[in-house]
Every structure is written in structure tokens, then in C-alpha cells.
Protein backbone atom coordinates (compact mmCIF):
# COMPACT_ATOMS: atom_id res chain seq x y z
CA MET A 1 -124.03 -63.60 -102.66
CA ASP A 2 -125.16 -65.00 -106.02
CA CYS A 3 -126.41 -68.23 -104.42
CA PHE A 4 -129.11 -66.17 -102.64
CA LEU A 5 -130.55 -64.73 -105.84
CA GLY A 6 -133.96 -65.95 -107.00
CA ARG A 7 -137.39 -66.80 -105.59
CA TRP A 8 -137.72 -68.82 -102.39
CA LYS A 9 -140.89 -70.40 -100.93
CA MET A 10 -141.22 -70.89 -97.17
CA THR A 11 -141.52 -74.53 -96.13
CA LYS A 12 -141.02 -74.37 -92.35
CA SER A 13 -141.29 -71.82 -89.55
CA GLU A 14 -140.27 -72.39 -85.93
CA ASN A 15 -140.92 -70.06 -82.97
CA PHE A 16 -142.12 -67.15 -85.15
CA ASP A 17 -144.90 -66.15 -82.73
CA ALA A 18 -142.44 -65.81 -79.83
CA TYR A 19 -140.08 -63.73 -81.99
CA MET A 20 -142.89 -61.39 -83.10
CA SER A 21 -144.00 -61.05 -79.47
CA GLU A 22 -140.46 -60.08 -78.46
CA LEU A 23 -140.51 -57.42 -81.21
CA GLY A 24 -143.69 -56.00 -79.66
CA VAL A 25 -146.11 -57.14 -82.38
CA GLY A 26 -149.70 -57.30 -81.10
CA PHE A 27 -151.66 -60.54 -80.73
CA PRO A 28 -154.05 -60.14 -83.73
CA THR A 29 -151.20 -59.31 -86.12
CA ARG A 30 -149.09 -62.21 -84.78
CA LYS A 31 -151.93 -64.67 -85.34
CA ALA A 32 -152.51 -63.43 -88.90
CA ALA A 33 -148.79 -63.47 -89.73
CA ALA A 34 -148.35 -66.98 -88.33
CA MET A 35 -150.76 -68.32 -90.97
CA LEU A 36 -148.73 -66.93 -93.89
CA LYS A 37 -146.13 -68.68 -96.00
CA PRO A 38 -144.36 -65.81 -97.72
CA ASP A 39 -142.13 -65.94 -100.77
CA VAL A 40 -138.77 -64.18 -100.67
CA ILE A 41 -137.27 -62.79 -103.87
CA ILE A 42 -133.65 -61.65 -103.85
CA SER A 43 -132.27 -59.81 -106.87
CA LYS A 44 -129.32 -57.62 -107.80
CA THR A 45 -128.95 -54.56 -110.04
CA GLY A 46 -125.43 -53.16 -110.25
CA ASP A 47 -124.06 -52.82 -106.70
CA LYS A 48 -127.52 -52.82 -105.08
CA TYR A 49 -129.61 -55.74 -103.90
CA CYS A 50 -133.36 -56.02 -103.50
CA LEU A 51 -135.02 -58.26 -100.93
CA LYS A 52 -138.75 -58.58 -101.48
CA THR A 53 -141.09 -60.54 -99.21
CA GLU A 54 -144.50 -61.33 -100.71
CA SER A 55 -147.54 -62.63 -98.86
CA SER A 56 -151.30 -62.23 -99.00
CA PHE A 57 -151.05 -59.99 -95.88
CA ARG A 58 -148.36 -57.56 -97.02
CA THR A 59 -145.50 -57.21 -99.46
CA THR A 60 -142.33 -55.47 -98.35
CA GLU A 61 -139.29 -54.57 -100.37
CA ILE A 62 -135.91 -53.19 -99.37
CA GLU A 63 -133.09 -52.06 -101.62
CA PHE A 64 -129.63 -51.96 -100.10
CA ALA A 65 -125.91 -51.80 -100.69
CA LEU A 66 -123.86 -54.04 -98.44
CA GLY A 67 -122.41 -52.23 -95.43
CA GLU A 68 -124.50 -49.06 -95.83
CA GLU A 69 -127.12 -48.12 -93.22
CA PHE A 70 -130.59 -47.29 -94.57
CA ASP A 71 -134.10 -46.52 -93.31
CA GLU A 72 -136.47 -49.50 -93.37
CA THR A 73 -140.19 -49.79 -92.67
CA THR A 74 -140.74 -53.39 -91.62
CA ALA A 75 -143.79 -55.57 -92.31
CA ASP A 76 -145.01 -54.82 -88.77
CA ASN A 77 -144.49 -51.05 -89.36
CA ARG A 78 -141.37 -50.55 -87.26
CA GLU A 79 -139.16 -47.71 -88.53
CA THR A 80 -135.62 -49.07 -88.29
CA LYS A 81 -132.06 -48.15 -89.15
CA THR A 82 -130.87 -51.25 -90.97
CA THR A 83 -127.50 -52.47 -92.18
CA MET A 84 -126.94 -55.52 -94.39
CA THR A 85 -123.55 -57.24 -94.46
CA PHE A 86 -122.22 -60.40 -96.11
CA GLU A 87 -119.46 -62.44 -94.47
CA ASN A 88 -118.46 -66.09 -94.67
CA GLY A 89 -121.54 -67.00 -96.72
CA VAL A 90 -123.98 -65.33 -94.29
CA LEU A 91 -126.19 -62.36 -95.20
CA LYS A 92 -126.78 -60.44 -91.96
CA GLN A 93 -129.54 -57.86 -91.48
CA HIS A 94 -129.19 -55.73 -88.33
CA GLN A 95 -132.16 -53.53 -87.36
CA LYS A 96 -132.13 -50.81 -84.67
CA TRP A 97 -135.14 -48.81 -83.42
CA ASP A 98 -136.26 -47.16 -80.17
CA GLY A 99 -133.22 -48.47 -78.26
CA LYS A 100 -133.91 -52.06 -79.42
CA GLU A 101 -132.06 -54.31 -81.86
CA THR A 102 -132.67 -57.51 -83.78
CA THR A 103 -130.54 -59.53 -86.17
CA ILE A 104 -131.75 -61.64 -89.08
CA THR A 105 -129.24 -63.95 -90.74
CA ARG A 106 -129.69 -65.76 -94.03
CA GLU A 107 -127.55 -68.63 -95.19
CA ILE A 108 -127.74 -71.48 -97.66
CA LYS A 109 -127.67 -74.95 -96.05
CA ASP A 110 -128.20 -78.08 -98.14
CA GLY A 111 -129.62 -75.94 -100.97
CA LYS A 112 -132.18 -74.29 -98.67
CA LEU A 113 -132.37 -70.70 -97.49
CA VAL A 114 -132.30 -70.75 -93.68
CA VAL A 115 -133.36 -67.49 -92.02
CA THR A 116 -132.62 -67.09 -88.31
CA CYS A 117 -134.25 -64.16 -86.49
CA THR A 118 -132.82 -63.27 -83.08
CA MET A 119 -133.90 -60.71 -80.50
CA GLY A 120 -132.51 -61.06 -77.01
CA LYS A 121 -132.77 -64.72 -76.06
CA VAL A 122 -135.61 -65.43 -78.52
CA GLN A 123 -134.74 -67.12 -81.79
CA CYS A 124 -136.92 -68.07 -84.76
CA VAL A 125 -135.85 -70.20 -87.73
CA ARG A 126 -137.64 -70.08 -91.07
CA THR A 127 -136.67 -72.37 -93.95
CA TYR A 128 -137.22 -71.73 -97.66
CA GLU A 129 -136.72 -73.82 -100.80
CA LYS A 130 -135.92 -72.48 -104.25
CA ALA A 131 -139.13 -71.98 -106.24
């Protein structure tokens, strides 16, 4: 997990609007969010991790222990039950709310943080480089 720690700057985003639409995010919010290039900061204190996403629109922060379900308020204000796991070099975030589910995976490929967001058949890939 240590290779994930630090500040990451987004360099590429593919199919994010379609993913947000699948989540149920409204048109004005999707258009605003599509313009952003957020930073992601991942840190660790003891057995807990912190994943912070900073942008000019909104900053969100979650603290978690691997394998333990917690309540999360997402950037688009969904109230989810979320579990973070780490297996085979992949940090997996599984969110459940209102009978729906989405999975966000994070992995390091060629020194870049590659974030894949999946809901149903819709997939979005966002790429970050170490700041």
C-alpha cells in the first residue's frame, strides 16, 4: 500500500460524464465536475488510511481501515456504505447505497495511479501522476 502514499495530480480522464450519469448525478453538476482536475492525497496514520480529493469545486476526505465498512458521503452527496480492500496491488473501494453499487479500483501502472470507476456496464478511467 505504501506505493499509493503521497499527492497525485490528475492528467487524464476518460468517460467520466457517462459514469456520473450512471450514478444519477444531474447534468449541471456533471458539467462542472468534468472541468475539474482534482488532486488525490493518500496518507497513513497507524492502521488507518486517509484518501483526500481536492478540487476547486469540493474537497472530500475519507478515513478507513482496510476491510472495515464505514459511512461515506461522496462528492456528489450520496450516502454510501463503503469498504476498502487491498489485494494483489489493487486498492478497491466498494460503495453501496439505495440498492445500487459501484466499484472504484486504484492501482499503480508505470509509476502512475490509474483509477477505474465501474457501475454496471459503464467504466471510467482517470490517470494521475505523482506531484
